[in-house]
Protein backbone atom coordinates (compact mmCIF):
# COMPACT_ATOMS: atom_id res chain seq x y z
CA UNK A 1 -6.14 58.06 -22.46
CA UNK A 2 -5.82 58.88 -26.13
CA UNK A 3 -6.86 55.97 -28.33
CA UNK A 4 -7.20 57.57 -31.75
CA UNK A 5 -3.45 57.80 -32.42
CA UNK A 6 -2.82 54.22 -31.35
CA UNK A 7 -5.64 52.85 -33.48
CA UNK A 8 -4.64 54.91 -36.49
CA UNK A 9 -1.03 53.71 -36.27
CA UNK A 10 -2.17 50.10 -35.88
CA UNK A 11 -4.48 50.28 -38.92
CA UNK A 12 -1.83 52.02 -41.02
CA UNK A 13 0.80 49.43 -40.12
CA UNK A 14 -1.59 46.57 -40.89
CA UNK A 15 -1.94 48.01 -44.41
CA UNK A 16 1.87 48.47 -44.66
CA UNK A 17 1.44 52.16 -45.44
CA UNK A 18 3.86 54.95 -44.66
CA UNK A 19 2.47 58.13 -43.18
CA UNK A 20 3.13 59.84 -46.51
CA UNK A 21 1.22 57.20 -48.51
CA UNK A 22 -1.75 57.30 -46.16
CA UNK A 23 -1.72 61.07 -46.31
CA UNK A 24 -1.77 60.97 -50.10
CA UNK A 25 -4.77 58.63 -50.03
CA UNK A 26 -6.87 60.90 -47.82
CA UNK A 27 -5.51 64.30 -48.87
CA UNK A 28 -3.29 65.39 -45.97
CA UNK A 29 0.47 65.50 -45.43
CA UNK A 30 2.55 62.71 -43.94
CA UNK A 31 3.56 64.91 -40.99
CA UNK A 32 -0.14 65.47 -40.24
CA UNK A 33 -0.65 61.70 -39.99
CA UNK A 34 2.35 61.52 -37.64
CA UNK A 35 0.93 64.30 -35.44
CA UNK A 36 -2.40 62.47 -35.26
CA UNK A 37 -0.68 59.24 -34.30
CA UNK A 38 1.31 61.03 -31.60
CA UNK A 39 -1.84 62.77 -30.33
CA UNK A 40 -0.29 66.17 -30.96
CA UNK A 41 -3.28 67.43 -32.96
CA UNK A 42 -6.83 66.22 -33.49
CA UNK A 43 -8.22 65.20 -36.85
CA UNK A 44 -11.15 67.16 -38.20
CA UNK A 45 -14.50 65.42 -38.48
CA UNK A 46 -14.05 65.35 -42.25
CA UNK A 47 -10.66 63.67 -41.98
CA UNK A 48 -11.94 61.26 -39.37
CA UNK A 49 -14.66 60.26 -41.83
CA UNK A 50 -12.09 59.79 -44.63
CA UNK A 51 -9.96 57.57 -42.38
CA UNK A 52 -12.95 55.48 -41.29
CA UNK A 53 -14.02 55.00 -44.91
CA UNK A 54 -10.50 54.15 -46.06
CA UNK A 55 -9.91 51.57 -43.32
CA UNK A 56 -13.54 50.32 -43.39
CA UNK A 57 -14.05 50.92 -39.67
CA UNK A 58 -16.41 53.21 -37.82
CA UNK A 59 -15.36 56.62 -36.58
CA UNK A 60 -16.50 55.41 -33.14
CA UNK A 61 -13.87 52.67 -33.36
CA UNK A 62 -11.17 55.17 -34.30
CA UNK A 63 -11.92 57.43 -31.34
CA UNK A 64 -12.32 54.57 -28.86
CA UNK A 65 -16.08 54.52 -28.31
CA UNK A 66 -16.32 50.91 -29.54
CA UNK A 67 -13.99 47.95 -29.89
């Protein structure tokens, strides 16, 4: 089961951010955020780190290794 996309969407919605706005904040396009959320593509380690830092969560949380 893919957890990353679900957790990313949940965190983004909690911050009331569009995919475009989140993309601008971490340096990727809005459609890339959408593809991550829909588990169509995987984020790079560098982008995973940017997301974890932005949302103040661990990368392990984002990929489902911890709650």
